[in-house]
Amino acid sequence: MTAIGAQAHKLLGPKRPHRSFFESFIRTLIIVCTALAVVLSSVSICDGHWLLVEDRLFGLWYFCTISNHSEPHCLRDLSQAQVPGVAVGMGLARSVAAMAVVAAIFGLELLIVSQVCEDVRSRSKWAIGSYLLLVAFILSSGGLLTFIILLKNQITLMGFTLMFWCEFTASFLFFLNATSGLHINSLTRSPPAGTLAYRKQGHDGTSLI
């Protein structure tokens, strides 16, 4: 390769795109909010106690009865709650909720990698991570809706516990971060034109057009 060709390769080769402070701030905020959503959803699912109705506590893993002067008596056999289909339904609810956390973790990893290791595939990694967050939202919402449908006759607005609202907040954050991530990715520049320009140059620096 001649000196002119080497210089052309250096000038026209891929360059790291320059990002504005606002774009970097928004992307960082999306990553932080996604991490928060993963933590909230994980804690909510592990605790699992989502609905308190008088002296009964309904959860993803246990059904508990509470008396005035004793500790809650919890049963792993959810059929003891005497709610039709609750045993199978809760198994479905916790399964899809757990899958939502897994999808969100992989999505978060791709978002972080796309920012730490910037290359020509960074935009694709960011887009895939955002789509995984959208999948996490769908799964998380499915778990919440399943829980609500199963216990629709026992539900009161004040009966929902803090853990339920943590899962609700996490589901909302998954949706917000997914749509925000896809939107900001569509607004940003494509890879530098020099990448395509170099493909049209010969190794000696002469044009192939």
N, C-alpha and C. Protein backbone atom coordinates (compact mmCIF):
# COMPACT_ATOMS: atom_id res chain seq x y z
N MET A 1 0.85 -1.20 0.00
CA MET A 1 0.00 0.00 0.00
C MET A 1 0.88 1.24 0.00
N THR A 2 0.60 2.15 -0.91
CA THR A 2 1.38 3.37 -1.00
C THR A 2 1.08 4.29 0.17
N ALA A 3 1.91 5.34 0.30
CA ALA A 3 1.70 6.30 1.38
C ALA A 3 0.36 7.00 1.22
N ILE A 4 -0.02 7.28 -0.04
CA ILE A 4 -1.32 7.94 -0.28
C ILE A 4 -2.46 7.02 0.13
N GLY A 5 -2.33 5.72 -0.20
CA GLY A 5 -3.36 4.76 0.16
C GLY A 5 -3.49 4.61 1.67
N ALA A 6 -2.34 4.58 2.35
CA ALA A 6 -2.37 4.46 3.81
C ALA A 6 -3.03 5.68 4.43
N GLN A 7 -2.72 6.85 3.88
CA GLN A 7 -3.31 8.08 4.41
C GLN A 7 -4.82 8.09 4.16
N ALA A 8 -5.23 7.61 3.00
CA ALA A 8 -6.66 7.56 2.69
C ALA A 8 -7.38 6.60 3.61
N HIS A 9 -6.73 5.46 3.90
CA HIS A 9 -7.32 4.49 4.82
C HIS A 9 -7.49 5.09 6.21
N LYS A 10 -6.53 5.87 6.63
CA LYS A 10 -6.59 6.49 7.95
C LYS A 10 -7.68 7.54 8.04
N LEU A 11 -7.82 8.32 6.93
CA LEU A 11 -8.79 9.40 6.95
C LEU A 11 -10.21 8.91 6.72
N LEU A 12 -10.36 7.90 5.87
CA LEU A 12 -11.69 7.44 5.48
C LEU A 12 -12.17 6.24 6.27
N GLY A 13 -11.31 5.67 7.09
CA GLY A 13 -11.69 4.52 7.88
C GLY A 13 -12.70 4.87 8.94
N PRO A 14 -13.23 3.83 9.64
CA PRO A 14 -14.24 4.06 10.66
C PRO A 14 -13.73 4.96 11.77
N LYS A 15 -14.55 5.89 12.18
CA LYS A 15 -14.21 6.78 13.27
C LYS A 15 -15.23 6.65 14.38
N ARG A 16 -14.77 6.88 15.56
CA ARG A 16 -15.67 6.84 16.69
C ARG A 16 -16.58 8.06 16.64
N PRO A 17 -17.91 7.85 16.58
CA PRO A 17 -18.82 8.99 16.45
C PRO A 17 -18.79 9.87 17.70
N HIS A 18 -18.87 11.15 17.45
CA HIS A 18 -18.88 12.11 18.56
C HIS A 18 -20.31 12.28 19.05
N ARG A 19 -20.52 12.12 20.35
CA ARG A 19 -21.85 12.23 20.93
C ARG A 19 -21.95 13.49 21.76
N SER A 20 -23.13 14.09 21.69
CA SER A 20 -23.37 15.28 22.49
C SER A 20 -23.54 14.89 23.95
N PHE A 21 -23.41 15.87 24.82
CA PHE A 21 -23.59 15.62 26.25
C PHE A 21 -25.01 15.15 26.54
N PHE A 22 -25.98 15.74 25.85
CA PHE A 22 -27.38 15.38 26.09
C PHE A 22 -27.64 13.92 25.74
N GLU A 23 -27.11 13.47 24.60
CA GLU A 23 -27.32 12.08 24.19
C GLU A 23 -26.66 11.12 25.17
N SER A 24 -25.43 11.43 25.58
CA SER A 24 -24.74 10.57 26.53
C SER A 24 -25.48 10.52 27.87
N PHE A 25 -26.01 11.66 28.28
CA PHE A 25 -26.75 11.72 29.55
C PHE A 25 -28.01 10.87 29.48
N ILE A 26 -28.76 10.96 28.36
CA ILE A 26 -29.99 10.19 28.22
C ILE A 26 -29.69 8.69 28.20
N ARG A 27 -28.66 8.29 27.48
CA ARG A 27 -28.32 6.87 27.42
C ARG A 27 -27.89 6.36 28.80
N THR A 28 -27.13 7.16 29.52
CA THR A 28 -26.73 6.76 30.87
C THR A 28 -27.94 6.65 31.79
N LEU A 29 -28.86 7.59 31.66
CA LEU A 29 -30.07 7.57 32.47
C LEU A 29 -30.91 6.33 32.18
N ILE A 30 -31.00 5.94 30.93
CA ILE A 30 -31.74 4.73 30.56
C ILE A 30 -31.12 3.50 31.20
N ILE A 31 -29.79 3.43 31.17
CA ILE A 31 -29.10 2.28 31.77
C ILE A 31 -29.33 2.23 33.28
N VAL A 32 -29.22 3.39 33.94
CA VAL A 32 -29.42 3.43 35.40
C VAL A 32 -30.85 3.05 35.77
N CYS A 33 -31.83 3.58 35.05
CA CYS A 33 -33.23 3.26 35.33
C CYS A 33 -33.54 1.79 35.06
N THR A 34 -32.91 1.23 34.04
CA THR A 34 -33.09 -0.20 33.76
C THR A 34 -32.53 -1.05 34.89
N ALA A 35 -31.35 -0.68 35.38
CA ALA A 35 -30.76 -1.41 36.50
C ALA A 35 -31.67 -1.33 37.73
N LEU A 36 -32.24 -0.15 37.98
CA LEU A 36 -33.17 0.01 39.10
C LEU A 36 -34.39 -0.88 38.92
N ALA A 37 -34.93 -0.94 37.70
CA ALA A 37 -36.09 -1.78 37.43
C ALA A 37 -35.79 -3.26 37.67
N VAL A 38 -34.60 -3.69 37.28
CA VAL A 38 -34.21 -5.09 37.50
C VAL A 38 -34.16 -5.40 38.99
N VAL A 39 -33.61 -4.49 39.78
CA VAL A 39 -33.53 -4.69 41.23
C VAL A 39 -34.92 -4.73 41.85
N LEU A 40 -35.78 -3.79 41.47
CA LEU A 40 -37.14 -3.74 42.02
C LEU A 40 -37.92 -5.01 41.68
N SER A 41 -37.81 -5.44 40.44
CA SER A 41 -38.55 -6.64 40.01
C SER A 41 -38.02 -7.88 40.72
N SER A 42 -36.71 -7.99 40.87
CA SER A 42 -36.11 -9.15 41.53
C SER A 42 -36.55 -9.24 43.00
N VAL A 43 -36.50 -8.11 43.70
CA VAL A 43 -36.91 -8.09 45.11
C VAL A 43 -38.39 -8.41 45.24
N SER A 44 -39.20 -7.87 44.35
CA SER A 44 -40.64 -8.10 44.40
C SER A 44 -40.98 -9.56 44.19
N ILE A 45 -40.33 -10.20 43.23
CA ILE A 45 -40.61 -11.61 42.95
C ILE A 45 -40.11 -12.50 44.08
N CYS A 46 -38.94 -12.21 44.61
CA CYS A 46 -38.39 -13.03 45.69
C CYS A 46 -39.27 -12.95 46.94
N ASP A 47 -39.77 -11.77 47.26
CA ASP A 47 -40.69 -11.64 48.39
C ASP A 47 -42.03 -12.27 48.05
N GLY A 48 -42.62 -11.84 46.94
CA GLY A 48 -43.81 -12.48 46.40
C GLY A 48 -45.12 -12.16 47.06
N HIS A 49 -45.13 -11.48 48.19
CA HIS A 49 -46.39 -11.16 48.90
C HIS A 49 -46.97 -9.89 48.30
N TRP A 50 -48.02 -10.04 47.51
CA TRP A 50 -48.53 -8.93 46.72
C TRP A 50 -49.89 -8.41 47.15
N LEU A 51 -50.67 -9.19 47.89
CA LEU A 51 -52.03 -8.77 48.21
C LEU A 51 -52.40 -9.19 49.63
N LEU A 52 -52.86 -8.22 50.40
CA LEU A 52 -53.31 -8.45 51.77
C LEU A 52 -54.80 -8.15 51.84
N VAL A 53 -55.60 -9.17 52.18
CA VAL A 53 -57.04 -9.02 52.29
C VAL A 53 -57.47 -9.50 53.68
N GLU A 54 -57.79 -8.54 54.55
CA GLU A 54 -58.18 -8.83 55.93
C GLU A 54 -57.10 -9.66 56.62
N ASP A 55 -57.38 -10.94 56.88
CA ASP A 55 -56.39 -11.77 57.58
C ASP A 55 -55.70 -12.75 56.65
N ARG A 56 -55.76 -12.49 55.35
CA ARG A 56 -55.14 -13.38 54.36
C ARG A 56 -54.13 -12.62 53.51
N LEU A 57 -53.00 -13.27 53.27
CA LEU A 57 -51.93 -12.67 52.47
C LEU A 57 -51.65 -13.57 51.28
N PHE A 58 -51.92 -13.05 50.09
CA PHE A 58 -51.71 -13.83 48.87
C PHE A 58 -50.38 -13.45 48.23
N GLY A 59 -49.64 -14.46 47.80
CA GLY A 59 -48.34 -14.22 47.17
C GLY A 59 -48.07 -15.17 46.03
N LEU A 60 -46.95 -14.95 45.36
CA LEU A 60 -46.56 -15.82 44.26
C LEU A 60 -46.13 -17.19 44.74
N TRP A 61 -45.58 -17.25 45.95
CA TRP A 61 -45.00 -18.49 46.44
C TRP A 61 -45.78 -19.10 47.61
N TYR A 62 -46.44 -18.26 48.40
CA TYR A 62 -47.11 -18.73 49.61
C TYR A 62 -48.49 -18.11 49.74
N PHE A 63 -49.32 -18.81 50.51
CA PHE A 63 -50.59 -18.26 50.99
C PHE A 63 -50.52 -18.24 52.51
N CYS A 64 -50.77 -17.06 53.09
CA CYS A 64 -50.60 -16.91 54.54
C CYS A 64 -51.89 -16.45 55.19
N THR A 65 -52.09 -16.93 56.40
CA THR A 65 -53.18 -16.44 57.24
C THR A 65 -52.56 -15.73 58.43
N ILE A 66 -53.18 -14.63 58.83
CA ILE A 66 -52.62 -13.78 59.88
C ILE A 66 -53.65 -13.63 61.00
N SER A 67 -53.24 -13.91 62.21
CA SER A 67 -54.09 -13.68 63.38
C SER A 67 -53.53 -12.50 64.17
N ASN A 68 -54.29 -12.04 65.14
CA ASN A 68 -53.92 -10.81 65.84
C ASN A 68 -52.63 -10.91 66.64
N HIS A 69 -52.41 -12.01 67.30
CA HIS A 69 -51.29 -12.10 68.23
C HIS A 69 -50.34 -13.25 67.91
N SER A 70 -50.19 -13.55 66.65
CA SER A 70 -49.26 -14.61 66.27
C SER A 70 -48.63 -14.28 64.93
N GLU A 71 -47.56 -14.98 64.62
CA GLU A 71 -46.89 -14.76 63.35
C GLU A 71 -47.72 -15.34 62.20
N PRO A 72 -47.53 -14.83 61.00
CA PRO A 72 -48.28 -15.36 59.85
C PRO A 72 -48.02 -16.85 59.66
N HIS A 73 -49.08 -17.56 59.36
CA HIS A 73 -48.97 -18.99 59.08
C HIS A 73 -49.05 -19.17 57.57
N CYS A 74 -47.93 -19.55 56.97
CA CYS A 74 -47.82 -19.60 55.51
C CYS A 74 -47.78 -21.03 55.02
N LEU A 75 -48.45 -21.25 53.90
CA LEU A 75 -48.50 -22.57 53.28
C LEU A 75 -47.99 -22.48 51.86
N ARG A 76 -47.17 -23.43 51.50
CA ARG A 76 -46.64 -23.48 50.12
C ARG A 76 -47.71 -24.01 49.16
N ASP A 77 -48.63 -24.79 49.69
CA ASP A 77 -49.71 -25.33 48.87
C ASP A 77 -50.75 -24.25 48.66
N LEU A 78 -50.71 -23.62 47.50
CA LEU A 78 -51.60 -22.49 47.23
C LEU A 78 -53.05 -22.90 47.05
N SER A 79 -53.29 -24.18 46.86
CA SER A 79 -54.68 -24.63 46.75
C SER A 79 -55.44 -24.43 48.05
N GLN A 80 -54.72 -24.28 49.17
CA GLN A 80 -55.36 -24.04 50.45
C GLN A 80 -56.01 -22.66 50.52
N ALA A 81 -55.70 -21.80 49.57
CA ALA A 81 -56.31 -20.48 49.54
C ALA A 81 -57.77 -20.53 49.11
N GLN A 82 -58.20 -21.67 48.60
CA GLN A 82 -59.60 -21.87 48.18
C GLN A 82 -60.03 -20.87 47.12
N VAL A 83 -59.12 -20.61 46.20
CA VAL A 83 -59.41 -19.77 45.04
C VAL A 83 -59.21 -20.64 43.80
N PRO A 84 -60.22 -20.78 42.95
CA PRO A 84 -60.12 -21.68 41.79
C PRO A 84 -58.95 -21.31 40.87
N GLY A 85 -58.13 -22.31 40.57
CA GLY A 85 -57.04 -22.15 39.62
C GLY A 85 -55.85 -21.37 40.13
N VAL A 86 -55.81 -21.03 41.44
CA VAL A 86 -54.73 -20.18 41.93
C VAL A 86 -53.39 -20.90 41.94
N ALA A 87 -53.38 -22.20 42.18
CA ALA A 87 -52.10 -22.92 42.24
C ALA A 87 -51.40 -22.91 40.89
N VAL A 88 -52.13 -23.23 39.82
CA VAL A 88 -51.55 -23.24 38.48
C VAL A 88 -51.28 -21.82 38.01
N GLY A 89 -52.21 -20.93 38.28
CA GLY A 89 -52.08 -19.55 37.83
C GLY A 89 -50.89 -18.84 38.45
N MET A 90 -50.64 -19.06 39.74
CA MET A 90 -49.50 -18.43 40.39
C MET A 90 -48.18 -18.97 39.85
N GLY A 91 -48.19 -20.26 39.50
CA GLY A 91 -46.99 -20.82 38.88
C GLY A 91 -46.69 -20.14 37.56
N LEU A 92 -47.73 -19.85 36.79
CA LEU A 92 -47.55 -19.14 35.52
C LEU A 92 -47.10 -17.70 35.76
N ALA A 93 -47.71 -17.05 36.75
CA ALA A 93 -47.38 -15.65 37.03
C ALA A 93 -45.93 -15.50 37.44
N ARG A 94 -45.46 -16.35 38.34
CA ARG A 94 -44.07 -16.20 38.79
C ARG A 94 -43.08 -16.63 37.72
N SER A 95 -43.50 -17.55 36.83
CA SER A 95 -42.60 -17.98 35.75
C SER A 95 -42.36 -16.85 34.75
N VAL A 96 -43.45 -16.21 34.31
CA VAL A 96 -43.28 -15.13 33.33
C VAL A 96 -42.61 -13.91 33.97
N ALA A 97 -42.86 -13.68 35.26
CA ALA A 97 -42.20 -12.55 35.94
C ALA A 97 -40.70 -12.80 36.06
N ALA A 98 -40.33 -14.05 36.34
CA ALA A 98 -38.91 -14.38 36.43
C ALA A 98 -38.24 -14.29 35.05
N MET A 99 -38.95 -14.72 34.02
CA MET A 99 -38.41 -14.61 32.66
C MET A 99 -38.23 -13.16 32.25
N ALA A 100 -39.11 -12.29 32.77
CA ALA A 100 -38.98 -10.86 32.48
C ALA A 100 -37.68 -10.31 33.05
N VAL A 101 -37.32 -10.75 34.26
CA VAL A 101 -36.07 -10.30 34.87
C VAL A 101 -34.87 -10.79 34.06
N VAL A 102 -34.93 -12.04 33.60
CA VAL A 102 -33.83 -12.60 32.80
C VAL A 102 -33.67 -11.80 31.50
N ALA A 103 -34.78 -11.53 30.82
CA ALA A 103 -34.72 -10.75 29.57
C ALA A 103 -34.17 -9.36 29.84
N ALA A 104 -34.59 -8.76 30.96
CA ALA A 104 -34.11 -7.41 31.28
C ALA A 104 -32.62 -7.40 31.59
N ILE A 105 -32.12 -8.44 32.24
CA ILE A 105 -30.69 -8.51 32.56
C ILE A 105 -29.87 -8.60 31.28
N PHE A 106 -30.29 -9.43 30.34
CA PHE A 106 -29.58 -9.52 29.07
C PHE A 106 -29.68 -8.20 28.30
N GLY A 107 -30.84 -7.57 28.34
CA GLY A 107 -30.99 -6.28 27.68
C GLY A 107 -30.09 -5.23 28.29
N LEU A 108 -30.03 -5.21 29.62
CA LEU A 108 -29.17 -4.25 30.32
C LEU A 108 -27.71 -4.48 29.96
N GLU A 109 -27.31 -5.74 29.87
CA GLU A 109 -25.92 -6.05 29.51
C GLU A 109 -25.58 -5.52 28.13
N LEU A 110 -26.50 -5.69 27.18
CA LEU A 110 -26.25 -5.20 25.82
C LEU A 110 -26.19 -3.67 25.78
N LEU A 111 -27.03 -3.02 26.57
CA LEU A 111 -26.99 -1.57 26.62
C LEU A 111 -25.65 -1.07 27.15
N ILE A 112 -25.15 -1.72 28.19
CA ILE A 112 -23.88 -1.31 28.78
C ILE A 112 -22.73 -1.57 27.82
N VAL A 113 -22.73 -2.77 27.20
CA VAL A 113 -21.65 -3.12 26.28
C VAL A 113 -21.62 -2.17 25.09
N SER A 114 -22.79 -1.77 24.61
CA SER A 114 -22.83 -0.87 23.45
C SER A 114 -22.22 0.49 23.76
N GLN A 115 -22.22 0.87 25.03
CA GLN A 115 -21.65 2.16 25.41
C GLN A 115 -20.19 2.07 25.81
N VAL A 116 -19.80 0.95 26.40
CA VAL A 116 -18.41 0.79 26.84
C VAL A 116 -17.50 0.44 25.67
N CYS A 117 -17.95 -0.47 24.81
CA CYS A 117 -17.16 -0.90 23.66
C CYS A 117 -17.81 -0.36 22.39
N GLU A 118 -17.56 0.87 22.08
CA GLU A 118 -18.18 1.50 20.93
C GLU A 118 -17.49 1.07 19.64
N ASP A 119 -18.28 0.56 18.71
CA ASP A 119 -17.79 0.17 17.39
C ASP A 119 -18.95 0.31 16.42
N VAL A 120 -18.78 -0.25 15.22
CA VAL A 120 -19.82 -0.12 14.19
C VAL A 120 -21.08 -0.89 14.56
N ARG A 121 -21.00 -1.80 15.52
CA ARG A 121 -22.16 -2.59 15.92
C ARG A 121 -22.83 -2.05 17.18
N SER A 122 -22.37 -0.95 17.70
CA SER A 122 -22.91 -0.41 18.95
C SER A 122 -24.39 -0.10 18.83
N ARG A 123 -24.79 0.49 17.70
CA ARG A 123 -26.19 0.82 17.51
C ARG A 123 -27.06 -0.42 17.47
N SER A 124 -26.57 -1.47 16.84
CA SER A 124 -27.33 -2.73 16.78
C SER A 124 -27.47 -3.35 18.16
N LYS A 125 -26.39 -3.33 18.94
CA LYS A 125 -26.45 -3.87 20.30
C LYS A 125 -27.44 -3.08 21.15
N TRP A 126 -27.41 -1.77 21.00
CA TRP A 126 -28.34 -0.93 21.77
C TRP A 126 -29.79 -1.24 21.38
N ALA A 127 -30.05 -1.41 20.08
CA ALA A 127 -31.40 -1.70 19.62
C ALA A 127 -31.88 -3.06 20.14
N ILE A 128 -31.01 -4.07 20.08
CA ILE A 128 -31.39 -5.39 20.58
C ILE A 128 -31.67 -5.34 22.07
N GLY A 129 -30.82 -4.61 22.82
CA GLY A 129 -31.05 -4.46 24.25
C GLY A 129 -32.38 -3.79 24.54
N SER A 130 -32.74 -2.80 23.76
CA SER A 130 -34.02 -2.11 23.95
C SER A 130 -35.19 -3.04 23.64
N TYR A 131 -35.06 -3.86 22.61
CA TYR A 131 -36.13 -4.81 22.30
C TYR A 131 -36.27 -5.86 23.41
N LEU A 132 -35.18 -6.26 24.02
CA LEU A 132 -35.26 -7.20 25.13
C LEU A 132 -35.97 -6.57 26.33
N LEU A 133 -35.77 -5.28 26.53
CA LEU A 133 -36.50 -4.59 27.60
C LEU A 133 -37.99 -4.55 27.28
N LEU A 134 -38.32 -4.43 26.01
CA LEU A 134 -39.74 -4.46 25.62
C LEU A 134 -40.34 -5.84 25.89
N VAL A 135 -39.56 -6.88 25.63
CA VAL A 135 -40.00 -8.24 25.95
C VAL A 135 -40.19 -8.38 27.47
N ALA A 136 -39.26 -7.81 28.24
CA ALA A 136 -39.37 -7.86 29.69
C ALA A 136 -40.64 -7.17 30.17
N PHE A 137 -40.99 -6.06 29.53
CA PHE A 137 -42.23 -5.36 29.89
C PHE A 137 -43.45 -6.24 29.63
N ILE A 138 -43.48 -6.90 28.47
CA ILE A 138 -44.62 -7.75 28.12
C ILE A 138 -44.76 -8.90 29.11
N LEU A 139 -43.64 -9.54 29.45
CA LEU A 139 -43.68 -10.66 30.39
C LEU A 139 -44.06 -10.20 31.79
N SER A 140 -43.49 -9.09 32.22
CA SER A 140 -43.79 -8.57 33.55
C SER A 140 -45.26 -8.17 33.66
N SER A 141 -45.77 -7.52 32.63
CA SER A 141 -47.19 -7.14 32.62
C SER A 141 -48.08 -8.38 32.62
N GLY A 142 -47.64 -9.42 31.91
CA GLY A 142 -48.40 -10.66 31.90
C GLY A 142 -48.49 -11.28 33.28
N GLY A 143 -47.38 -11.23 34.03
CA GLY A 143 -47.41 -11.75 35.40
C GLY A 143 -48.35 -10.96 36.29
N LEU A 144 -48.31 -9.63 36.17
CA LEU A 144 -49.20 -8.79 36.97
C LEU A 144 -50.67 -9.03 36.63
N LEU A 145 -50.98 -9.11 35.33
CA LEU A 145 -52.36 -9.32 34.91
C LEU A 145 -52.86 -10.69 35.35
N THR A 146 -52.01 -11.71 35.26
CA THR A 146 -52.40 -13.04 35.71
C THR A 146 -52.75 -13.04 37.19
N PHE A 147 -51.93 -12.37 38.00
CA PHE A 147 -52.18 -12.28 39.44
C PHE A 147 -53.50 -11.57 39.70
N ILE A 148 -53.74 -10.46 39.00
CA ILE A 148 -54.96 -9.69 39.21
C ILE A 148 -56.20 -10.48 38.79
N ILE A 149 -56.12 -11.17 37.66
CA ILE A 149 -57.27 -11.94 37.18
C ILE A 149 -57.60 -13.07 38.13
N LEU A 150 -56.58 -13.75 38.65
CA LEU A 150 -56.81 -14.87 39.56
C LEU A 150 -57.51 -14.42 40.85
N LEU A 151 -57.17 -13.24 41.33
CA LEU A 151 -57.68 -12.79 42.63
C LEU A 151 -58.63 -11.59 42.47
N LYS A 152 -59.29 -11.50 41.34
CA LYS A 152 -60.15 -10.34 41.07
C LYS A 152 -61.26 -10.17 42.10
N ASN A 153 -61.72 -11.27 42.69
CA ASN A 153 -62.79 -11.17 43.67
C ASN A 153 -62.31 -10.74 45.05
N GLN A 154 -61.01 -10.84 45.30
CA GLN A 154 -60.46 -10.45 46.60
C GLN A 154 -59.76 -9.09 46.57
N ILE A 155 -59.57 -8.55 45.37
CA ILE A 155 -58.72 -7.37 45.23
C ILE A 155 -59.41 -6.11 45.76
N THR A 156 -58.66 -5.35 46.52
CA THR A 156 -59.01 -3.97 46.87
C THR A 156 -57.77 -3.12 46.60
N LEU A 157 -57.99 -1.87 46.25
CA LEU A 157 -56.87 -1.01 45.90
C LEU A 157 -55.88 -0.87 47.05
N MET A 158 -56.40 -0.76 48.26
CA MET A 158 -55.53 -0.62 49.42
C MET A 158 -54.92 -1.93 49.86
N GLY A 159 -55.36 -3.03 49.26
CA GLY A 159 -54.83 -4.33 49.66
C GLY A 159 -53.50 -4.67 49.01
N PHE A 160 -53.17 -4.01 47.91
CA PHE A 160 -51.91 -4.29 47.25
C PHE A 160 -50.74 -3.87 48.15
N THR A 161 -49.77 -4.72 48.27
CA THR A 161 -48.63 -4.45 49.14
C THR A 161 -47.56 -3.64 48.40
N LEU A 162 -46.54 -3.24 49.15
CA LEU A 162 -45.43 -2.48 48.57
C LEU A 162 -44.72 -3.31 47.50
N MET A 163 -44.64 -4.61 47.70
CA MET A 163 -43.96 -5.46 46.72
C MET A 163 -44.70 -5.50 45.39
N PHE A 164 -46.02 -5.46 45.44
CA PHE A 164 -46.79 -5.40 44.19
C PHE A 164 -46.49 -4.10 43.45
N TRP A 165 -46.46 -3.00 44.17
CA TRP A 165 -46.20 -1.73 43.52
C TRP A 165 -44.76 -1.63 43.02
N CYS A 166 -43.85 -2.33 43.67
CA CYS A 166 -42.47 -2.40 43.15
C CYS A 166 -42.45 -3.09 41.78
N GLU A 167 -43.20 -4.19 41.68
CA GLU A 167 -43.26 -4.89 40.39
C GLU A 167 -43.97 -4.04 39.34
N PHE A 168 -45.01 -3.34 39.74
CA PHE A 168 -45.72 -2.45 38.82
C PHE A 168 -44.78 -1.35 38.31
N THR A 169 -44.02 -0.76 39.23
CA THR A 169 -43.07 0.29 38.85
C THR A 169 -41.99 -0.26 37.93
N ALA A 170 -41.49 -1.46 38.23
CA ALA A 170 -40.46 -2.08 37.39
C ALA A 170 -40.99 -2.32 35.98
N SER A 171 -42.23 -2.80 35.88
CA SER A 171 -42.84 -3.04 34.57
C SER A 171 -42.96 -1.75 33.78
N PHE A 172 -43.36 -0.67 34.45
CA PHE A 172 -43.46 0.63 33.79
C PHE A 172 -42.09 1.12 33.32
N LEU A 173 -41.06 0.92 34.16
CA LEU A 173 -39.72 1.35 33.78
C LEU A 173 -39.19 0.54 32.60
N PHE A 174 -39.51 -0.76 32.54
CA PHE A 174 -39.10 -1.56 31.39
C PHE A 174 -39.67 -0.97 30.11
N PHE A 175 -40.95 -0.61 30.15
CA PHE A 175 -41.59 -0.04 28.96
C PHE A 175 -40.99 1.32 28.61
N LEU A 176 -40.84 2.17 29.61
CA LEU A 176 -40.33 3.52 29.38
C LEU A 176 -38.91 3.49 28.82
N ASN A 177 -38.06 2.65 29.40
CA ASN A 177 -36.67 2.57 28.95
C ASN A 177 -36.56 1.94 27.56
N ALA A 178 -37.42 0.96 27.29
CA ALA A 178 -37.39 0.31 25.97
C ALA A 178 -37.76 1.30 24.87
N THR A 179 -38.86 2.00 25.06
CA THR A 179 -39.31 2.95 24.04
C THR A 179 -38.35 4.13 23.92
N SER A 180 -37.82 4.59 25.06
CA SER A 180 -36.85 5.69 25.02
C SER A 180 -35.58 5.27 24.31
N GLY A 181 -35.12 4.04 24.60
CA GLY A 181 -33.90 3.55 23.96
C GLY A 181 -34.06 3.42 22.45
N LEU A 182 -35.19 2.89 22.00
CA LEU A 182 -35.42 2.76 20.56
C LEU A 182 -35.56 4.13 19.90
N HIS A 183 -36.19 5.06 20.62
CA HIS A 183 -36.40 6.40 20.04
C HIS A 183 -35.07 7.15 19.89
N ILE A 184 -34.26 7.13 20.92
CA ILE A 184 -32.99 7.87 20.84
C ILE A 184 -32.05 7.21 19.84
N ASN A 185 -32.18 5.90 19.67
CA ASN A 185 -31.34 5.21 18.68
C ASN A 185 -31.74 5.61 17.26
N SER A 186 -33.03 5.88 17.06
CA SER A 186 -33.49 6.29 15.73
C SER A 186 -33.12 7.73 15.42
N LEU A 187 -32.88 8.52 16.46
CA LEU A 187 -32.55 9.93 16.26
C LEU A 187 -31.06 10.17 16.03
N THR A 188 -30.23 9.23 16.45
CA THR A 188 -28.78 9.41 16.35
C THR A 188 -28.28 9.06 14.97
N ARG A 189 -27.05 9.46 14.71
CA ARG A 189 -26.45 9.27 13.39
C ARG A 189 -26.16 7.82 13.11
N SER A 190 -26.14 7.47 11.84
CA SER A 190 -25.64 6.18 11.40
C SER A 190 -24.12 6.21 11.48
N PRO A 191 -23.45 5.05 11.29
CA PRO A 191 -21.99 5.05 11.29
C PRO A 191 -21.43 6.04 10.29
N PRO A 192 -20.26 6.61 10.57
CA PRO A 192 -19.68 7.65 9.72
C PRO A 192 -19.63 7.25 8.25
N ALA A 193 -19.85 8.23 7.39
CA ALA A 193 -19.87 7.97 5.96
C ALA A 193 -18.53 7.47 5.45
N GLY A 194 -17.45 7.74 6.20
CA GLY A 194 -16.12 7.30 5.79
C GLY A 194 -16.01 5.79 5.69
N THR A 195 -16.83 5.07 6.49
CA THR A 195 -16.80 3.61 6.45
C THR A 195 -17.22 3.12 5.08
N LEU A 196 -18.34 3.71 4.57
CA LEU A 196 -18.81 3.31 3.25
C LEU A 196 -17.91 3.84 2.15
N ALA A 197 -17.35 5.02 2.39
CA ALA A 197 -16.50 5.61 1.36
C ALA A 197 -15.26 4.77 1.14
N TYR A 198 -14.71 4.24 2.22
CA TYR A 198 -13.48 3.46 2.07
C TYR A 198 -13.72 2.18 1.28
N ARG A 199 -14.93 1.62 1.40
CA ARG A 199 -15.22 0.40 0.66
C ARG A 199 -15.22 0.64 -0.85
N LYS A 200 -15.36 1.91 -1.24
CA LYS A 200 -15.36 2.24 -2.66
C LYS A 200 -13.99 2.68 -3.14
N GLN A 201 -12.96 2.57 -2.27
CA GLN A 201 -11.63 2.97 -2.65
C GLN A 201 -10.76 1.72 -2.86
N GLY A 202 -9.86 1.79 -3.79
CA GLY A 202 -8.91 0.73 -3.97
C GLY A 202 -7.84 0.80 -2.91
N HIS A 203 -7.07 -0.25 -2.75
CA HIS A 203 -6.02 -0.28 -1.75
C HIS A 203 -4.92 0.75 -2.07
N ASP A 204 -4.87 1.19 -3.29
CA ASP A 204 -3.86 2.17 -3.65
C ASP A 204 -4.39 3.60 -3.55
N GLY A 205 -5.63 3.74 -3.03
CA GLY A 205 -6.19 5.07 -2.84
C GLY A 205 -6.99 5.57 -4.03
N THR A 206 -7.03 4.81 -5.16
CA THR A 206 -7.79 5.25 -6.31
C THR A 206 -9.24 4.83 -6.16
N SER A 207 -10.15 5.59 -6.77
CA SER A 207 -11.57 5.31 -6.64
C SER A 207 -11.95 4.13 -7.50
N LEU A 208 -12.90 3.30 -6.96
CA LEU A 208 -13.40 2.15 -7.71
C LEU A 208 -14.74 2.45 -8.35
N ILE A 209 -15.28 3.68 -8.16
CA ILE A 209 -16.59 4.02 -8.72
C ILE A 209 -16.49 4.16 -10.25
